[in-house]
Protein backbone atom coordinates (compact mmCIF):
# COMPACT_ATOMS: atom_id res chain seq x y z
CA MET A 1 45.49 59.04 -78.47
CA SER A 2 42.61 58.75 -80.87
CA SER A 3 39.90 60.95 -82.34
CA ILE A 4 37.21 58.30 -82.22
CA SER A 5 33.75 59.86 -82.47
CA ALA A 6 30.69 58.90 -80.50
CA ILE A 7 27.90 58.10 -82.93
CA THR A 8 24.40 57.45 -81.56
CA GLN A 9 21.40 58.67 -83.56
CA LEU A 10 21.77 59.94 -87.11
CA PRO A 11 24.14 62.89 -87.13
CA PRO A 12 23.05 66.14 -88.77
CA LYS A 13 23.11 65.92 -92.56
CA ARG A 14 25.44 68.90 -92.85
CA ARG A 15 28.12 67.09 -90.83
CA VAL A 16 27.68 63.88 -92.83
CA ARG A 17 27.95 65.82 -96.11
CA GLU A 18 31.11 67.62 -94.88
CA SER A 19 32.67 64.34 -93.77
CA PHE A 20 32.14 62.67 -97.14
CA ASP A 21 33.32 65.79 -98.99
CA ARG A 22 36.54 65.69 -96.99
CA CYS A 23 37.22 62.04 -97.84
CA ALA A 24 36.30 62.20 -101.54
CA ALA A 25 39.90 62.00 -102.76
CA SER A 26 40.82 59.05 -100.57
CA TYR A 27 37.47 57.22 -100.85
CA ASP A 28 38.06 54.84 -103.74
CA ALA A 29 41.40 53.59 -102.44
CA ALA A 30 39.89 52.87 -99.01
CA ALA A 31 36.45 51.60 -99.96
CA VAL A 32 37.19 47.88 -99.86
CA LEU A 33 34.02 46.96 -98.05
CA GLN A 34 31.90 49.21 -100.20
CA ARG A 35 33.13 47.56 -103.40
CA CYS A 36 32.60 44.07 -101.96
CA VAL A 37 29.05 44.83 -100.81
CA CYS A 38 28.13 46.50 -104.10
CA GLU A 39 29.29 43.44 -106.02
CA ARG A 40 27.30 41.14 -103.72
CA LEU A 41 24.20 43.26 -104.11
CA LEU A 42 24.41 43.03 -107.87
CA ALA A 43 25.22 39.25 -107.85
CA GLY A 44 22.07 38.59 -105.82
CA PHE A 45 19.75 40.62 -108.03
CA THR A 46 17.77 39.02 -110.81
CA PRO A 47 15.32 41.56 -112.22
CA ARG A 48 12.10 40.40 -113.96
CA SER A 49 13.16 42.44 -117.04
CA THR A 50 16.18 44.41 -118.16
CA PRO A 51 16.01 47.90 -116.65
CA ALA A 52 16.20 50.80 -119.14
CA THR A 53 16.42 53.62 -116.55
CA ILE A 54 18.37 53.24 -113.25
CA LEU A 55 18.81 55.53 -110.32
CA ASP A 56 21.93 55.00 -108.15
CA ALA A 57 20.85 56.58 -104.88
CA GLY A 58 23.91 57.68 -102.93
CA CYS A 59 26.29 57.07 -105.80
CA GLY A 60 29.42 58.41 -104.08
CA THR A 61 32.34 58.41 -106.52
CA GLY A 62 30.44 56.28 -109.01
CA PHE A 63 31.64 52.74 -108.40
CA GLY A 64 28.13 51.32 -108.19
CA ALA A 65 26.97 53.20 -111.30
CA ARG A 66 29.91 51.79 -113.22
CA LEU A 67 29.28 48.28 -111.91
CA VAL A 68 25.61 48.38 -112.86
CA HIS A 69 26.51 49.81 -116.28
CA SER A 70 28.75 46.80 -116.93
CA ARG A 71 25.72 44.58 -116.51
CA TRP A 72 23.21 46.73 -118.38
CA PRO A 73 25.30 48.84 -120.80
CA ALA A 74 22.23 50.09 -122.70
CA ALA A 75 20.54 51.48 -119.59
CA THR A 76 20.40 55.18 -118.73
CA ILE A 77 21.92 55.52 -115.27
CA VAL A 78 21.59 58.56 -113.05
CA GLY A 79 23.65 58.93 -109.91
CA VAL A 80 22.50 61.00 -106.95
CA ASP A 81 24.57 62.07 -103.95
CA PHE A 82 24.42 65.02 -101.58
CA ALA A 83 28.19 65.34 -101.21
CA PRO A 84 29.31 67.61 -104.13
CA LYS A 85 32.97 66.60 -104.01
CA MET A 86 32.01 62.92 -104.34
CA LEU A 87 30.15 63.79 -107.52
CA VAL A 88 33.30 65.46 -108.97
CA PHE A 89 34.96 62.06 -109.06
CA ALA A 90 31.84 60.27 -110.26
CA ARG A 91 31.49 62.76 -113.18
CA GLN A 92 35.18 62.34 -114.05
CA ALA A 93 34.42 58.58 -114.40
CA GLY A 94 31.64 59.42 -116.88
CA ALA A 95 28.63 59.07 -114.62
CA ASP A 96 25.56 61.29 -115.17
CA CYS A 97 25.08 62.81 -111.67
CA VAL A 98 22.70 65.04 -109.79
CA ALA A 99 23.43 66.64 -106.39
CA ALA A 100 20.43 65.82 -104.24
CA ASP A 101 19.18 64.18 -101.02
CA ILE A 102 17.74 60.69 -101.64
CA GLU A 103 15.06 61.47 -99.07
CA ALA A 104 13.75 64.25 -101.37
CA LEU A 105 14.61 63.30 -104.98
CA PRO A 106 14.25 66.00 -107.72
CA PHE A 107 12.57 63.65 -110.18
CA ALA A 108 9.04 63.17 -111.40
CA ALA A 109 7.07 60.11 -110.22
CA GLN A 110 7.46 56.83 -112.09
CA ARG A 111 10.67 57.77 -113.90
CA PHE A 112 12.94 54.80 -113.20
CA ASP A 113 12.86 51.01 -113.71
CA LEU A 114 15.40 50.31 -110.98
CA TRP A 115 16.25 52.13 -107.73
CA TRP A 116 19.69 51.00 -106.60
CA SER A 117 21.47 52.01 -103.41
CA SER A 118 24.48 50.40 -101.77
CA LEU A 119 25.58 51.33 -98.23
CA THR A 120 23.81 54.67 -98.15
CA VAL A 121 20.52 54.33 -96.33
CA GLN A 122 22.15 53.82 -92.95
CA TRP A 123 22.86 57.57 -93.09
CA CYS A 124 19.21 58.33 -93.89
CA ASP A 125 15.73 58.17 -92.47
CA LEU A 126 15.04 54.75 -93.93
CA PRO A 127 11.24 55.10 -94.27
CA ARG A 128 11.62 58.41 -96.09
CA ALA A 129 14.29 57.04 -98.41
CA VAL A 130 12.31 54.01 -99.46
CA ALA A 131 9.10 56.03 -99.78
CA GLU A 132 10.94 58.23 -102.29
CA ALA A 133 12.18 55.13 -104.07
CA GLN A 134 8.63 53.93 -104.37
CA ARG A 135 7.50 57.28 -105.77
CA VAL A 136 10.07 57.51 -108.54
CA LEU A 137 9.79 53.89 -109.63
CA GLN A 138 7.53 52.91 -112.45
CA PRO A 139 4.78 50.35 -111.65
CA GLY A 140 6.60 46.99 -111.58
CA GLY A 141 9.94 48.78 -111.01
CA GLU A 142 12.38 47.13 -108.70
CA LEU A 143 14.55 48.13 -105.71
CA ALA A 144 17.92 46.77 -104.67
CA LEU A 145 19.59 48.16 -101.56
CA SER A 146 22.35 47.22 -99.11
CA THR A 147 22.82 48.58 -95.64
CA LEU A 148 24.41 47.57 -92.36
CA GLY A 149 22.83 45.68 -89.50
CA PRO A 150 23.32 45.94 -85.76
CA GLU A 151 26.21 43.52 -85.47
CA THR A 152 28.43 45.94 -87.38
CA PHE A 153 31.39 47.12 -85.35
CA ARG A 154 30.39 44.88 -82.44
CA GLU A 155 34.05 44.55 -81.34
CA LEU A 156 34.42 48.33 -81.23
CA ARG A 157 31.38 48.74 -79.05
CA GLU A 158 32.60 46.02 -76.73
CA ALA A 159 36.00 47.68 -76.49
CA PHE A 160 34.38 50.87 -75.21
CA VAL A 161 32.38 49.22 -72.42
CA GLY A 162 33.26 51.07 -69.22
CA VAL A 163 35.40 53.65 -70.97
CA ASP A 164 32.66 56.24 -71.52
CA ASN A 165 28.89 56.48 -71.71
CA HIS A 166 28.64 56.91 -75.47
CA ARG A 167 27.84 54.48 -78.21
CA HIS A 168 30.44 54.64 -80.95
CA THR A 169 28.47 53.45 -83.97
CA LEU A 170 25.31 54.40 -85.74
CA GLY A 171 22.09 52.69 -84.62
CA PHE A 172 22.04 50.22 -87.54
CA SER A 173 18.70 48.75 -88.65
CA GLU A 174 17.56 45.20 -87.93
CA PRO A 175 16.62 43.23 -91.06
CA GLU A 176 13.01 43.22 -89.81
CA ALA A 177 13.01 47.02 -89.76
CA VAL A 178 14.16 47.13 -93.40
CA SER A 179 11.40 44.69 -94.39
CA ARG A 180 8.80 46.73 -92.46
CA ALA A 181 9.90 50.01 -94.04
CA LEU A 182 9.64 48.55 -97.51
CA ALA A 183 6.22 47.07 -96.85
CA GLN A 184 4.91 50.31 -95.37
CA ALA A 185 6.19 52.20 -98.43
CA GLY A 186 4.04 49.94 -100.60
CA PHE A 187 6.60 47.42 -101.94
CA SER A 188 5.89 43.81 -102.52
CA ALA A 189 8.00 40.67 -103.33
CA ILE A 190 10.30 41.78 -100.50
CA SER A 191 13.41 39.67 -99.97
CA VAL A 192 15.93 40.48 -97.23
CA GLN A 193 19.17 38.61 -96.83
CA ARG A 194 21.91 38.95 -94.28
CA GLU A 195 25.68 38.27 -94.61
CA ALA A 196 28.64 38.73 -92.40
CA ILE A 197 31.88 40.23 -93.75
CA GLU A 198 35.06 40.67 -91.74
CA LEU A 199 38.01 42.81 -92.69
CA HIS A 200 41.28 42.68 -90.77
CA TYR A 201 43.84 45.32 -89.79
CA VAL A 202 47.26 45.35 -88.23
CA ASP A 203 46.10 47.38 -85.27
CA LEU A 204 43.26 49.59 -84.01
CA GLN A 205 44.80 52.77 -85.40
CA ALA A 206 44.81 51.26 -88.93
CA LEU A 207 41.22 50.13 -88.54
CA LEU A 208 40.03 53.59 -87.49
CA ARG A 209 42.11 55.28 -90.21
CA ALA A 210 40.40 53.12 -92.80
CA VAL A 211 36.99 54.05 -91.43
CA LYS A 212 37.96 57.74 -91.52
CA GLU A 213 39.11 57.50 -95.11
CA ILE A 214 35.63 56.48 -96.26
CA GLY A 215 33.97 59.36 -94.44
CA ALA A 216 32.41 57.35 -91.64
CA ASN A 217 34.36 58.97 -88.79
CA SER A 218 34.17 62.39 -87.20
CA VAL A 219 30.41 62.49 -87.59
CA GLY A 220 29.47 61.63 -84.04
CA ASP A 221 26.79 63.12 -81.83
CA GLU A 222 27.12 66.35 -79.88
CA GLY A 223 27.87 64.53 -76.57
CA ARG A 224 31.69 64.61 -76.69
CA ARG A 225 34.34 66.64 -78.43
CA GLY A 226 38.06 66.14 -78.70
CA MET A 227 40.30 63.08 -78.32
CA LEU A 228 40.24 60.32 -75.77
CA GLY A 229 42.77 60.65 -73.02
CA ARG A 230 45.85 58.44 -73.13
CA HIS A 231 44.63 56.10 -70.35
CA ALA A 232 41.21 55.67 -71.94
CA TRP A 233 42.72 55.03 -75.37
CA GLN A 234 45.04 52.36 -73.92
CA ARG A 235 42.03 50.64 -72.33
CA VAL A 236 40.20 50.62 -75.66
CA GLN A 237 43.25 49.18 -77.43
CA ALA A 238 43.73 46.48 -74.82
CA ALA A 239 40.06 45.49 -74.98
CA TYR A 240 40.06 45.34 -78.76
CA GLU A 241 43.24 43.25 -78.77
CA GLN A 242 41.22 40.40 -77.18
CA HIS A 243 39.59 39.97 -80.57
CA ARG A 244 42.80 39.53 -82.50
CA THR A 245 43.10 36.57 -84.86
CA ALA A 246 45.93 35.28 -86.97
CA ALA A 247 44.68 37.58 -89.77
CA GLY A 248 44.79 40.65 -87.56
CA LEU A 249 42.23 42.78 -85.73
CA PRO A 250 38.79 42.12 -87.13
CA ALA A 251 36.18 44.66 -88.09
CA ARG A 252 32.72 43.06 -88.39
CA TYR A 253 30.17 44.17 -90.94
CA ASP A 254 26.64 42.88 -90.69
CA VAL A 255 25.50 43.32 -94.28
CA ILE A 256 21.81 43.46 -95.20
CA LEU A 257 20.80 42.98 -98.84
CA ALA A 258 17.21 43.82 -99.72
CA TYR A 259 15.20 43.50 -102.93
CA ALA A 260 11.60 44.50 -103.64
CA ARG A 261 9.15 45.42 -106.34
CA LYS A 262 6.70 48.31 -106.69
């Protein structure tokens, strides 16, 4: 049996925070996708000038801050995350961190040259998050963000068809919605790119365990509690097995990379 959660709309922030706090110790070892996407976000970013002050919005354990520091070692980098136990690990790695919600940043306007965020805004109210990014950026400051699009976990959704009436993933944003939110926040020079990444696992249990170890499980809606029954779980497994390839069971990630200027 499995403890798969049903995730529909954004779950309450308290539950998201608790989930990421619980996985803080296991996060870095399991965050294969997060590292890959962070590296791609940086590789695709060519700022007009070298940023002197950088905000890593949703810094987690600090991988992104360290990666950005390797490119701009003279920059002052501040990491923000609302999961305190994540910040313990980020600080141990030498990052300058603040516990805060990226939808309500505790910084004065026009403080940063670059607002950076990798795989965080899917947990947020996107318009609020990018409006705050626009507020804390200096005129001419730049934004670089990654998030996930609606094709993410398509195989998982298909495996649950007919098993229950819940969706089992977040309602990920379309690229057009990301562009629209940035434009409405006052950004210009908006560029949105889309890439597909697949990771493979030996079986569905391994896939779900990997998701849980990065904090993205057990944060479902209020519609269902407890584990799937044995029969339902077997149906989900059988349905997902239809997607198996020589590399294993695939997990699809629809990655959106967005860049903009204030």
